[in-house]
Amino acid sequence: MPFNLLKCLLLGCALGAAAHAQFKEIKAAPFPPAAARQKIQALLENADGSNRDATVQKLLSWIDWYRDILDDELIAHWGAEGRDRLRLLMAPLADARVASGVVAYSWAHRPEAWTLENAAVLGDLMARYPASAKPFLDDMGGSGTPQLSPAEAAAVCRILIDMPDIGTWRKTALQILPRYRPVAESLLRQDINGPDQEAMYRALRWRSDLKFDAADNAGQKRPMTESRAQRPHIVGEFADRGAGQAVYRGPMAGTFESTGGPIPQNAEYVFPNVPPVKLLLDFDTKKWEARLQAGEGNTQVLVLRNVSRGPQKRCVVRWTVIE
């Protein structure tokens, strides 16, 4: 085929493909930048729970023309006491630039902006846009420990506890959380006693990984190394605590670990002297089945049955008192 004819055929195919391609046509901007800024400011200043979705949709419809203006105003409003409103809008509207501006401002103005109320927003921004976390990580990851108020420490701990297990966040959290142990333990206790099952399971894992567990019933501290393949189970108290019976004041968490040889299939292992309270038990339910029985005095007995297909070398159960 002559070269010129082949060239024409290829050009025709290219033009035909281009004719069928889908292009997004960006029309002329609906209003000048100054007017756009005023409209964006008005929407941000009047945002609340009742108009949140409509506000987001309106702002997103202008984003092709006014992304920079929207970014400027989101950052400015976050730093100008507009955080209560922006907490409703930040997730769908923020980009990397907004995340960096908001996190940097909040960390530099910790007493006013680095709070538990803002922790969910800040954590979400840092998770989605890791570069935005630099000022926070630079200070917290160094050899020194910043002097934080209890409120600031609570926000730091809440962000680290709730952060998805991505990148190096968990490693960072394991280094930072022990510095603020009382605050971290308080937040984890709230999660364990709360209604959210996911938060409850996560808190149990954190307590184990951070070695926050109290001594077990034998008075020895043992690390939790058993795989937690399943979710923890809440087990109701067996003992009947009637009127006048002493309130339990012992350890609030601990670890039970079997001793001796392997436990055969379908065999049971008994842990005596279990606190006579409602417990949250963390164990591998693929291998074990648990039940409580009345024990001696004001105690319970925890019975674990091996439901796996063979003997188990040991049985490990993390327990936490449900108040």
C-alpha atoms as a PDB file:
ATOM      1  CA  MET A   1       0.000   0.000   0.000  1.00  0.00           C
ATOM      2  CA  PRO A   2       1.428   3.421  -0.891  1.00  0.00           C
ATOM      3  CA  PHE A   3       2.680   5.320   2.110  1.00  0.00           C
ATOM      4  CA  ASN A   4       0.460   8.360   1.434  1.00  0.00           C
ATOM      5  CA  LEU A   5      -2.659   6.202   1.271  1.00  0.00           C
ATOM      6  CA  LEU A   6      -1.753   4.419   4.529  1.00  0.00           C
ATOM      7  CA  LYS A   7      -1.142   7.785   6.150  1.00  0.00           C
ATOM      8  CA  CYS A   8      -4.567   9.006   5.069  1.00  0.00           C
ATOM      9  CA  LEU A   9      -6.277   5.894   6.410  1.00  0.00           C
ATOM     10  CA  LEU A  10      -4.560   6.217   9.784  1.00  0.00           C
ATOM     11  CA  LEU A  11      -5.436   9.901   9.956  1.00  0.00           C
ATOM     12  CA  GLY A  12      -9.050   9.088   9.154  1.00  0.00           C
ATOM     13  CA  CYS A  13      -9.188   6.478  11.938  1.00  0.00           C
ATOM     14  CA  ALA A  14      -7.709   8.935  14.404  1.00  0.00           C
ATOM     15  CA  LEU A  15     -10.204  11.625  13.479  1.00  0.00           C
ATOM     16  CA  GLY A  16     -13.057   9.143  13.756  1.00  0.00           C
ATOM     17  CA  ALA A  17     -11.943   8.062  17.235  1.00  0.00           C
ATOM     18  CA  ALA A  18     -11.626  11.663  18.328  1.00  0.00           C
ATOM     19  CA  ALA A  19     -15.129  12.385  17.076  1.00  0.00           C
ATOM     20  CA  HIS A  20     -16.506   9.677  19.355  1.00  0.00           C
ATOM     21  CA  ALA A  21     -14.375  10.562  22.397  1.00  0.00           C
ATOM     22  CA  GLN A  22     -16.086  12.061  25.427  1.00  0.00           C
ATOM     23  CA  PHE A  23     -14.813  15.450  26.506  1.00  0.00           C
ATOM     24  CA  LYS A  24     -16.040  17.484  29.446  1.00  0.00           C
ATOM     25  CA  GLU A  25     -16.986  20.900  28.245  1.00  0.00           C
ATOM     26  CA  ILE A  26     -16.284  23.602  30.803  1.00  0.00           C
ATOM     27  CA  LYS A  27     -18.528  26.534  30.177  1.00  0.00           C
ATOM     28  CA  ALA A  28     -17.787  30.100  31.033  1.00  0.00           C
ATOM     29  CA  ALA A  29     -17.609  30.862  34.748  1.00  0.00           C
ATOM     30  CA  PRO A  30     -21.061  31.776  36.100  1.00  0.00           C
ATOM     31  CA  PHE A  31     -19.780  34.889  37.925  1.00  0.00           C
ATOM     32  CA  PRO A  32     -16.579  36.845  38.479  1.00  0.00           C
ATOM     33  CA  PRO A  33     -14.073  35.662  41.129  1.00  0.00           C
ATOM     34  CA  ALA A  34     -14.997  38.412  43.591  1.00  0.00           C
ATOM     35  CA  ALA A  35     -18.676  37.501  43.422  1.00  0.00           C
ATOM     36  CA  ALA A  36     -17.812  33.804  43.694  1.00  0.00           C
ATOM     37  CA  ARG A  37     -15.830  34.447  46.859  1.00  0.00           C
ATOM     38  CA  GLN A  38     -18.782  36.250  48.441  1.00  0.00           C
ATOM     39  CA  LYS A  39     -21.174  33.454  47.542  1.00  0.00           C
ATOM     40  CA  ILE A  40     -18.799  30.765  48.888  1.00  0.00           C
ATOM     41  CA  GLN A  41     -18.307  32.724  52.107  1.00  0.00           C
ATOM     42  CA  ALA A  42     -22.066  33.032  52.562  1.00  0.00           C
ATOM     43  CA  LEU A  43     -22.600  29.304  52.063  1.00  0.00           C
ATOM     44  CA  LEU A  44     -19.852  28.394  54.534  1.00  0.00           C
ATOM     45  CA  GLU A  45     -21.076  30.869  57.144  1.00  0.00           C
ATOM     46  CA  ASN A  46     -24.639  29.570  56.989  1.00  0.00           C
ATOM     47  CA  ALA A  47     -23.933  25.859  56.825  1.00  0.00           C
ATOM     48  CA  ASP A  48     -25.576  23.642  59.442  1.00  0.00           C
ATOM     49  CA  GLY A  49     -26.996  20.178  59.787  1.00  0.00           C
ATOM     50  CA  SER A  50     -30.219  21.060  57.997  1.00  0.00           C
ATOM     51  CA  ASN A  51     -28.606  22.336  54.798  1.00  0.00           C
ATOM     52  CA  ARG A  52     -25.351  20.401  54.781  1.00  0.00           C
ATOM     53  CA  ASP A  53     -26.078  18.268  51.696  1.00  0.00           C
ATOM     54  CA  ALA A  54     -27.431  21.186  49.673  1.00  0.00           C
ATOM     55  CA  THR A  55     -24.421  23.312  50.611  1.00  0.00           C
ATOM     56  CA  VAL A  56     -21.982  20.602  49.562  1.00  0.00           C
ATOM     57  CA  GLN A  57     -23.747  20.062  46.240  1.00  0.00           C
ATOM     58  CA  LYS A  58     -23.796  23.775  45.447  1.00  0.00           C
ATOM     59  CA  LEU A  59     -20.098  24.195  46.236  1.00  0.00           C
ATOM     60  CA  LEU A  60     -19.151  21.108  44.230  1.00  0.00           C
ATOM     61  CA  SER A  61     -21.093  22.464  41.240  1.00  0.00           C
ATOM     62  CA  TRP A  62     -18.757  25.514  41.208  1.00  0.00           C
ATOM     63  CA  ILE A  63     -15.524  23.650  41.811  1.00  0.00           C
ATOM     64  CA  ASP A  64     -14.363  23.611  38.156  1.00  0.00           C
ATOM     65  CA  TRP A  65     -13.998  27.390  38.234  1.00  0.00           C
ATOM     66  CA  TYR A  66     -13.393  28.255  41.890  1.00  0.00           C
ATOM     67  CA  ARG A  67     -11.353  25.429  43.447  1.00  0.00           C
ATOM     68  CA  ASP A  68      -8.637  27.808  44.638  1.00  0.00           C
ATOM     69  CA  ILE A  69     -11.164  30.233  46.109  1.00  0.00           C
ATOM     70  CA  LEU A  70     -12.980  27.406  47.896  1.00  0.00           C
ATOM     71  CA  ASP A  71      -9.676  26.130  49.301  1.00  0.00           C
ATOM     72  CA  ASP A  72      -8.768  29.609  50.533  1.00  0.00           C
ATOM     73  CA  GLU A  73     -12.105  30.027  52.272  1.00  0.00           C
ATOM     74  CA  LEU A  74     -12.147  26.571  53.865  1.00  0.00           C
ATOM     75  CA  ILE A  75      -8.739  27.194  55.387  1.00  0.00           C
ATOM     76  CA  ALA A  76      -9.633  30.744  56.441  1.00  0.00           C
ATOM     77  CA  HIS A  77     -12.940  29.742  58.028  1.00  0.00           C
ATOM     78  CA  TRP A  78     -11.270  26.896  59.920  1.00  0.00           C
ATOM     79  CA  GLY A  79      -8.942  29.459  61.455  1.00  0.00           C
ATOM     80  CA  ALA A  80     -11.672  31.996  62.139  1.00  0.00           C
ATOM     81  CA  GLU A  81     -13.894  30.166  64.612  1.00  0.00           C
ATOM     82  CA  GLY A  82     -15.844  28.470  61.828  1.00  0.00           C
ATOM     83  CA  ARG A  83     -14.852  24.976  62.808  1.00  0.00           C
ATOM     84  CA  ASP A  84     -18.240  23.908  64.153  1.00  0.00           C
ATOM     85  CA  ARG A  85     -19.751  24.451  60.710  1.00  0.00           C
ATOM     86  CA  LEU A  86     -16.810  23.126  58.717  1.00  0.00           C
ATOM     87  CA  ARG A  87     -16.762  19.804  60.542  1.00  0.00           C
ATOM     88  CA  LEU A  88     -19.897  19.036  58.528  1.00  0.00           C
ATOM     89  CA  LEU A  89     -18.322  19.971  55.198  1.00  0.00           C
ATOM     90  CA  MET A  90     -14.641  19.108  55.347  1.00  0.00           C
ATOM     91  CA  ALA A  91     -14.801  15.447  54.318  1.00  0.00           C
ATOM     92  CA  PRO A  92     -16.499  15.942  50.919  1.00  0.00           C
ATOM     93  CA  LEU A  93     -14.862  19.289  50.077  1.00  0.00           C
ATOM     94  CA  ALA A  94     -11.251  19.128  51.272  1.00  0.00           C
ATOM     95  CA  ASP A  95      -8.321  18.403  48.989  1.00  0.00           C
ATOM     96  CA  ALA A  96      -4.601  18.059  49.723  1.00  0.00           C
ATOM     97  CA  ARG A  97      -4.090  21.810  49.970  1.00  0.00           C
ATOM     98  CA  VAL A  98      -6.955  22.237  52.429  1.00  0.00           C
ATOM     99  CA  ALA A  99      -5.753  19.278  54.493  1.00  0.00           C
ATOM    100  CA  SER A 100      -2.259  20.749  54.816  1.00  0.00           C
ATOM    101  CA  GLY A 101      -3.587  24.188  55.730  1.00  0.00           C
ATOM    102  CA  VAL A 102      -6.106  22.943  58.276  1.00  0.00           C
ATOM    103  CA  VAL A 103      -3.761  20.492  60.023  1.00  0.00           C
ATOM    104  CA  ALA A 104      -0.904  23.003  60.131  1.00  0.00           C
ATOM    105  CA  TYR A 105      -3.135  25.713  61.591  1.00  0.00           C
ATOM    106  CA  SER A 106      -4.676  23.343  64.128  1.00  0.00           C
ATOM    107  CA  TRP A 107      -1.318  22.043  65.348  1.00  0.00           C
ATOM    108  CA  ALA A 108       0.130  25.551  65.594  1.00  0.00           C
ATOM    109  CA  HIS A 109      -2.969  26.755  67.508  1.00  0.00           C
ATOM    110  CA  ARG A 110      -3.495  23.675  69.661  1.00  0.00           C
ATOM    111  CA  PRO A 111      -5.389  25.188  72.599  1.00  0.00           C
ATOM    112  CA  GLU A 112      -8.201  26.374  70.352  1.00  0.00           C
ATOM    113  CA  ALA A 113      -8.182  23.967  67.407  1.00  0.00           C
ATOM    114  CA  TRP A 114      -6.548  20.671  68.472  1.00  0.00           C
ATOM    115  CA  THR A 115      -9.502  19.304  70.410  1.00  0.00           C
ATOM    116  CA  LEU A 116     -11.499  16.122  70.772  1.00  0.00           C
ATOM    117  CA  GLU A 117     -14.335  17.763  68.830  1.00  0.00           C
ATOM    118  CA  ASN A 118     -12.021  18.255  65.850  1.00  0.00           C
ATOM    119  CA  ALA A 119     -10.097  14.993  66.183  1.00  0.00           C
ATOM    120  CA  ALA A 120     -12.234  13.062  63.695  1.00  0.00           C
ATOM    121  CA  VAL A 121     -11.801  15.730  61.002  1.00  0.00           C
ATOM    122  CA  LEU A 122      -8.060  16.105  61.564  1.00  0.00           C
ATOM    123  CA  GLY A 123      -7.499  12.369  61.614  1.00  0.00           C
ATOM    124  CA  ASP A 124      -9.500  11.903  58.412  1.00  0.00           C
ATOM    125  CA  LEU A 125      -7.520  14.621  56.618  1.00  0.00           C
ATOM    126  CA  MET A 126      -4.177  13.154  57.677  1.00  0.00           C
ATOM    127  CA  ALA A 127      -5.250   9.657  56.677  1.00  0.00           C
ATOM    128  CA  ARG A 128      -6.391  10.748  53.212  1.00  0.00           C
ATOM    129  CA  TYR A 129      -3.565  13.209  52.612  1.00  0.00           C
ATOM    130  CA  PRO A 130      -0.509  11.880  54.491  1.00  0.00           C
ATOM    131  CA  ALA A 131       1.687  14.864  53.595  1.00  0.00           C
ATOM    132  CA  SER A 132      -0.593  17.092  55.666  1.00  0.00           C
ATOM    133  CA  ALA A 133       0.489  15.265  58.848  1.00  0.00           C
ATOM    134  CA  LYS A 134       4.088  16.495  58.607  1.00  0.00           C
ATOM    135  CA  PRO A 135       3.986  19.250  61.284  1.00  0.00           C
ATOM    136  CA  PHE A 136       2.230  16.913  63.700  1.00  0.00           C
ATOM    137  CA  LEU A 137       4.557  13.981  63.084  1.00  0.00           C
ATOM    138  CA  ASP A 138       7.692  16.117  63.065  1.00  0.00           C
ATOM    139  CA  ASP A 139       6.943  17.306  66.606  1.00  0.00           C
ATOM    140  CA  MET A 140       5.466  14.102  68.008  1.00  0.00           C
ATOM    141  CA  GLY A 141       7.943  11.763  66.341  1.00  0.00           C
ATOM    142  CA  GLY A 142      11.026  13.496  67.696  1.00  0.00           C
ATOM    143  CA  SER A 143      13.000  12.612  70.771  1.00  0.00           C
ATOM    144  CA  GLY A 144      11.242  15.260  72.842  1.00  0.00           C
ATOM    145  CA  THR A 145       7.661  15.167  74.021  1.00  0.00           C
ATOM    146  CA  PRO A 146       5.633  18.335  73.425  1.00  0.00           C
ATOM    147  CA  GLN A 147       3.972  19.750  76.505  1.00  0.00           C
ATOM    148  CA  LEU A 148       0.266  19.203  75.850  1.00  0.00           C
ATOM    149  CA  SER A 149      -2.730  20.132  77.922  1.00  0.00           C
ATOM    150  CA  PRO A 150      -5.068  17.257  78.866  1.00  0.00           C
ATOM    151  CA  ALA A 151      -7.466  18.350  76.102  1.00  0.00           C
ATOM    152  CA  GLU A 152      -4.690  18.436  73.495  1.00  0.00           C
ATOM    153  CA  ALA A 153      -3.342  15.068  74.626  1.00  0.00           C
ATOM    154  CA  ALA A 154      -6.837  13.604  74.368  1.00  0.00           C
ATOM    155  CA  ALA A 155      -7.100  14.806  70.766  1.00  0.00           C
ATOM    156  CA  VAL A 156      -3.683  13.347  69.925  1.00  0.00           C
ATOM    157  CA  CYS A 157      -4.598   9.985  71.459  1.00  0.00           C
ATOM    158  CA  ARG A 158      -8.035   9.889  69.848  1.00  0.00           C
ATOM    159  CA  ILE A 159      -6.558  10.570  66.405  1.00  0.00           C
ATOM    160  CA  LEU A 160      -3.944   7.847  66.816  1.00  0.00           C
ATOM    161  CA  ILE A 161      -6.401   5.305  68.221  1.00  0.00           C
ATOM    162  CA  ASP A 162      -8.913   5.871  65.412  1.00  0.00           C
ATOM    163  CA  MET A 163      -6.393   6.182  62.559  1.00  0.00           C
ATOM    164  CA  PRO A 164      -6.705   3.389  59.950  1.00  0.00           C
ATOM    165  CA  ASP A 165      -3.811   0.928  59.965  1.00  0.00           C
ATOM    166  CA  ILE A 166      -2.121   2.401  56.907  1.00  0.00           C
ATOM    167  CA  GLY A 167       1.484   3.280  56.220  1.00  0.00           C
ATOM    168  CA  THR A 168       3.491   3.754  59.405  1.00  0.00           C
ATOM    169  CA  TRP A 169       0.646   5.154  61.499  1.00  0.00           C
ATOM    170  CA  ARG A 170       0.377   2.168  63.828  1.00  0.00           C
ATOM    171  CA  LYS A 171       4.112   2.134  64.445  1.00  0.00           C
ATOM    172  CA  THR A 172       3.956   5.852  65.197  1.00  0.00           C
ATOM    173  CA  ALA A 173       1.006   5.392  67.540  1.00  0.00           C
ATOM    174  CA  LEU A 174       2.800   2.657  69.479  1.00  0.00           C
ATOM    175  CA  GLN A 175       5.610   5.134  70.114  1.00  0.00           C
ATOM    176  CA  ILE A 176       3.426   8.104  71.069  1.00  0.00           C
ATOM    177  CA  LEU A 177       0.475   6.705  73.021  1.00  0.00           C
ATOM    178  CA  PRO A 178       2.544   5.411  75.978  1.00  0.00           C
ATOM    179  CA  ARG A 179       3.743   8.982  76.620  1.00  0.00           C
ATOM    180  CA  TYR A 180       0.164   9.917  77.443  1.00  0.00           C
ATOM    181  CA  ARG A 181      -0.878   6.645  79.017  1.00  0.00           C
ATOM    182  CA  PRO A 182      -3.549   7.917  81.462  1.00  0.00           C
ATOM    183  CA  VAL A 183      -5.329   9.772  78.662  1.00  0.00           C
ATOM    184  CA  ALA A 184      -5.002   6.880  76.218  1.00  0.00           C
ATOM    185  CA  GLU A 185      -6.275   4.373  78.791  1.00  0.00           C
ATOM    186  CA  SER A 186      -9.276   6.577  79.546  1.00  0.00           C
ATOM    187  CA  LEU A 187     -10.231   6.776  75.865  1.00  0.00           C
ATOM    188  CA  LEU A 188      -9.754   3.039  75.359  1.00  0.00           C
ATOM    189  CA  ARG A 189     -11.912   2.322  78.402  1.00  0.00           C
ATOM    190  CA  GLN A 190     -14.660   4.484  76.928  1.00  0.00           C
ATOM    191  CA  ASP A 191     -14.486   2.535  73.664  1.00  0.00           C
ATOM    192  CA  ILE A 192     -14.561  -0.819  75.435  1.00  0.00           C
ATOM    193  CA  ASN A 193     -17.634   0.183  77.421  1.00  0.00           C
ATOM    194  CA  GLY A 194     -19.371   1.879  74.504  1.00  0.00           C
ATOM    195  CA  PRO A 195     -21.999   0.504  72.110  1.00  0.00           C
ATOM    196  CA  ASP A 196     -19.763   0.411  69.015  1.00  0.00           C
ATOM    197  CA  GLN A 197     -18.538  -3.153  68.520  1.00  0.00           C
ATOM    198  CA  GLU A 198     -15.833  -2.113  66.062  1.00  0.00           C
ATOM    199  CA  ALA A 199     -14.468   0.476  68.494  1.00  0.00           C
ATOM    200  CA  MET A 200     -14.633  -2.080  71.294  1.00  0.00           C
ATOM    201  CA  TYR A 201     -12.581  -4.621  69.355  1.00  0.00           C
ATOM    202  CA  ARG A 202     -10.069  -1.994  68.275  1.00  0.00           C
ATOM    203  CA  ALA A 203      -9.628  -0.802  71.859  1.00  0.00           C
ATOM    204  CA  LEU A 204      -8.935  -4.329  73.065  1.00  0.00           C
ATOM    205  CA  ARG A 205      -6.267  -4.746  70.416  1.00  0.00           C
ATOM    206  CA  TRP A 206      -4.660  -1.438  71.338  1.00  0.00           C
ATOM    207  CA  ARG A 207      -4.544  -2.350  75.027  1.00  0.00           C
ATOM    208  CA  SER A 208      -2.835  -5.588  74.167  1.00  0.00           C
ATOM    209  CA  ASP A 209      -0.327  -4.108  71.713  1.00  0.00           C
ATOM    210  CA  LEU A 210       0.480  -1.267  74.117  1.00  0.00           C
ATOM    211  CA  LYS A 211       0.769  -3.722  77.046  1.00  0.00           C
ATOM    212  CA  PHE A 212      -1.721  -1.684  79.063  1.00  0.00           C
ATOM    213  CA  ASP A 213      -3.305  -4.781  80.580  1.00  0.00           C
ATOM    214  CA  ALA A 214      -3.425  -5.054  84.327  1.00  0.00           C
ATOM    215  CA  ALA A 215      -1.988  -8.108  86.070  1.00  0.00           C
ATOM    216  CA  ASP A 216      -3.986 -11.260  85.530  1.00  0.00           C
ATOM    217  CA  ASN A 217      -5.637 -13.274  88.268  1.00  0.00           C
ATOM    218  CA  ALA A 218      -2.299 -14.909  89.181  1.00  0.00           C
ATOM    219  CA  GLY A 219      -0.735 -11.515  89.754  1.00  0.00           C
ATOM    220  CA  GLN A 220       1.632 -11.847  86.812  1.00  0.00           C
ATOM    221  CA  LYS A 221       1.743  -9.672  83.743  1.00  0.00           C
ATOM    222  CA  ARG A 222       1.843 -11.714  80.547  1.00  0.00           C
ATOM    223  CA  PRO A 223       1.987 -10.411  76.996  1.00  0.00           C
ATOM    224  CA  MET A 224      -0.897 -11.247  74.709  1.00  0.00           C
ATOM    225  CA  THR A 225       0.525 -13.093  71.711  1.00  0.00           C
ATOM    226  CA  GLU A 226      -2.405 -15.257  70.661  1.00  0.00           C
ATOM    227  CA  SER A 227      -3.871 -14.385  67.273  1.00  0.00           C
ATOM    228  CA  ARG A 228      -7.171 -12.554  67.578  1.00  0.00           C
ATOM    229  CA  ALA A 229      -8.907 -13.870  64.497  1.00  0.00           C
ATOM    230  CA  GLN A 230     -12.425 -13.244  65.738  1.00  0.00           C
ATOM    231  CA  ARG A 231     -14.266 -10.467  67.468  1.00  0.00           C
ATOM    232  CA  PRO A 232     -14.422 -10.431  71.273  1.00  0.00           C
ATOM    233  CA  HIS A 233     -17.468 -11.748  73.044  1.00  0.00           C
ATOM    234  CA  ILE A 234     -19.379 -10.165  75.893  1.00  0.00           C
ATOM    235  CA  VAL A 235     -20.065 -12.710  78.608  1.00  0.00           C
ATOM    236  CA  GLY A 236     -22.612 -11.895  81.306  1.00  0.00           C
ATOM    237  CA  GLU A 237     -21.764 -12.338  84.942  1.00  0.00           C
ATOM    238  CA  PHE A 238     -22.767 -15.723  86.373  1.00  0.00           C
ATOM    239  CA  ALA A 239     -22.579 -14.810  90.039  1.00  0.00           C
ATOM    240  CA  ASP A 240     -25.696 -13.212  91.503  1.00  0.00           C
ATOM    241  CA  ARG A 241     -24.596 -10.059  93.237  1.00  0.00           C
ATOM    242  CA  GLY A 242     -27.440  -9.439  95.603  1.00  0.00           C
ATOM    243  CA  ALA A 243     -28.108  -6.476  97.843  1.00  0.00           C
ATOM    244  CA  GLY A 244     -25.372  -5.893 100.356  1.00  0.00           C
ATOM    245  CA  GLN A 245     -22.763  -7.816  98.393  1.00  0.00           C
ATOM    246  CA  ALA A 246     -19.432  -6.027  98.042  1.00  0.00           C
ATOM    247  CA  VAL A 247     -18.824  -4.110  94.841  1.00  0.00           C
ATOM    248  CA  TYR A 248     -15.984  -5.506  92.756  1.00  0.00           C
ATOM    249  CA  ARG A 249     -12.845  -3.372  93.102  1.00  0.00           C
ATOM    250  CA  GLY A 250     -10.198  -5.623  91.572  1.00  0.00           C
ATOM    251  CA  PRO A 251      -8.284  -5.365  88.278  1.00  0.00           C
ATOM    252  CA  MET A 252     -10.317  -4.104  85.335  1.00  0.00           C
ATOM    253  CA  ALA A 253      -8.458  -6.119  82.695  1.00  0.00           C
ATOM    254  CA  GLY A 254      -6.034  -8.960  82.379  1.00  0.00           C
ATOM    255  CA  THR A 255      -4.979 -12.080  80.513  1.00  0.00           C
ATOM    256  CA  PHE A 256      -5.678 -15.746  81.220  1.00  0.00           C
ATOM    257  CA  GLU A 257      -3.197 -18.237  79.785  1.00  0.00           C
ATOM    258  CA  SER A 258      -3.277 -22.008  80.138  1.00  0.00           C
ATOM    259  CA  THR A 259      -0.386 -23.972  81.606  1.00  0.00           C
ATOM    260  CA  GLY A 260       0.654 -27.573  81.204  1.00  0.00           C
ATOM    261  CA  GLY A 261       0.490 -29.734  78.111  1.00  0.00           C
ATOM    262  CA  PRO A 262      -1.613 -29.433  74.956  1.00  0.00           C
ATOM    263  CA  ILE A 263      -5.397 -29.360  75.286  1.00  0.00           C
ATOM    264  CA  PRO A 264      -7.017 -32.168  73.240  1.00  0.00           C
ATOM    265  CA  GLN A 265      -9.867 -31.661  70.813  1.00  0.00           C
ATOM    266  CA  ASN A 266     -13.217 -31.262  72.662  1.00  0.00           C
ATOM    267  CA  ALA A 267     -11.395 -31.074  75.996  1.00  0.00           C
ATOM    268  CA  GLU A 268     -12.031 -28.204  78.411  1.00  0.00           C
ATOM    269  CA  TYR A 269      -9.659 -25.890  80.232  1.00  0.00           C
ATOM    270  CA  VAL A 270     -10.882 -24.137  83.366  1.00  0.00           C
ATOM    271  CA  PHE A 271      -9.774 -20.733  84.633  1.00  0.00           C
ATOM    272  CA  PRO A 272     -10.873 -20.265  88.286  1.00  0.00           C
ATOM    273  CA  ASN A 273     -11.238 -17.090  90.337  1.00  0.00           C
ATOM    274  CA  VAL A 274     -12.705 -15.008  87.529  1.00  0.00           C
ATOM    275  CA  PRO A 275     -14.084 -11.634  88.676  1.00  0.00           C
ATOM    276  CA  PRO A 276     -17.845 -11.859  89.381  1.00  0.00           C
ATOM    277  CA  VAL A 277     -18.739  -9.167  86.843  1.00  0.00           C
ATOM    278  CA  LYS A 278     -19.775  -8.779  83.246  1.00  0.00           C
ATOM    279  CA  LEU A 279     -16.762  -9.482  81.037  1.00  0.00           C
ATOM    280  CA  LEU A 280     -15.604  -8.806  77.532  1.00  0.00           C
ATOM    281  CA  LEU A 281     -13.505 -11.787  76.423  1.00  0.00           C
ATOM    282  CA  ASP A 282     -11.087 -11.638  73.518  1.00  0.00           C
ATOM    283  CA  PHE A 283     -10.110 -15.076  72.203  1.00  0.00           C
ATOM    284  CA  ASP A 284     -10.015 -17.050  68.973  1.00  0.00           C
ATOM    285  CA  THR A 285     -13.549 -18.332  68.549  1.00  0.00           C
ATOM    286  CA  LYS A 286     -12.441 -20.585  65.711  1.00  0.00           C
ATOM    287  CA  LYS A 287     -10.644 -22.681  68.312  1.00  0.00           C
ATOM    288  CA  TRP A 288     -12.493 -22.098  71.569  1.00  0.00           C
ATOM    289  CA  GLU A 289     -15.996 -21.948  72.982  1.00  0.00           C
ATOM    290  CA  ALA A 290     -16.480 -20.132  76.307  1.00  0.00           C
ATOM    291  CA  ARG A 291     -18.963 -20.304  79.157  1.00  0.00           C
ATOM    292  CA  LEU A 292     -19.095 -19.127  82.766  1.00  0.00           C
ATOM    293  CA  GLN A 293     -20.022 -21.142  85.828  1.00  0.00           C
ATOM    294  CA  ALA A 294     -20.355 -20.297  89.497  1.00  0.00           C
ATOM    295  CA  GLY A 295     -17.077 -20.557  91.384  1.00  0.00           C
ATOM    296  CA  GLU A 296     -16.089 -20.628  95.023  1.00  0.00           C
ATOM    297  CA  GLY A 297     -17.131 -17.657  97.062  1.00  0.00           C
ATOM    298  CA  ASN A 298     -17.894 -14.530  95.113  1.00  0.00           C
ATOM    299  CA  THR A 299     -16.115 -15.689  91.938  1.00  0.00           C
ATOM    300  CA  GLN A 300     -16.815 -17.231  88.568  1.00  0.00           C
ATOM    301  CA  VAL A 301     -15.152 -20.023  86.613  1.00  0.00           C
ATOM    302  CA  LEU A 302     -14.379 -19.565  82.936  1.00  0.00           C
ATOM    303  CA  VAL A 303     -14.496 -22.765  80.901  1.00  0.00           C
ATOM    304  CA  LEU A 304     -12.922 -22.912  77.446  1.00  0.00           C
ATOM    305  CA  ARG A 305     -13.660 -25.922  75.222  1.00  0.00           C
ATOM    306  CA  ASN A 306     -11.382 -26.794  72.324  1.00  0.00           C
ATOM    307  CA  VAL A 307     -13.652 -26.808  69.256  1.00  0.00           C
ATOM    308  CA  SER A 308     -10.814 -27.010  66.712  1.00  0.00           C
ATOM    309  CA  ARG A 309      -9.914 -30.098  64.734  1.00  0.00           C
ATOM    310  CA  GLY A 310      -6.960 -31.044  66.860  1.00  0.00           C
ATOM    311  CA  PRO A 311      -5.103 -30.351  70.099  1.00  0.00           C
ATOM    312  CA  GLN A 312      -4.129 -26.807  71.008  1.00  0.00           C
ATOM    313  CA  LYS A 313      -0.802 -26.039  72.664  1.00  0.00           C
ATOM    314  CA  ARG A 314      -2.323 -23.352  74.828  1.00  0.00           C
ATOM    315  CA  CYS A 315      -5.344 -21.186  75.437  1.00  0.00           C
ATOM    316  CA  VAL A 316      -5.080 -17.407  75.841  1.00  0.00           C
ATOM    317  CA  VAL A 317      -7.986 -15.128  76.761  1.00  0.00           C
ATOM    318  CA  ARG A 318      -7.895 -11.369  77.233  1.00  0.00           C
ATOM    319  CA  TRP A 319     -10.589 -10.105  79.580  1.00  0.00           C
ATOM    320  CA  THR A 320     -11.931  -6.674  80.355  1.00  0.00           C
ATOM    321  CA  VAL A 321     -14.547  -5.699  82.909  1.00  0.00           C
ATOM    322  CA  ILE A 322     -17.639  -4.108  81.388  1.00  0.00           C
ATOM    323  CA  GLU A 323     -18.786  -1.466  83.850  1.00  0.00           C
END
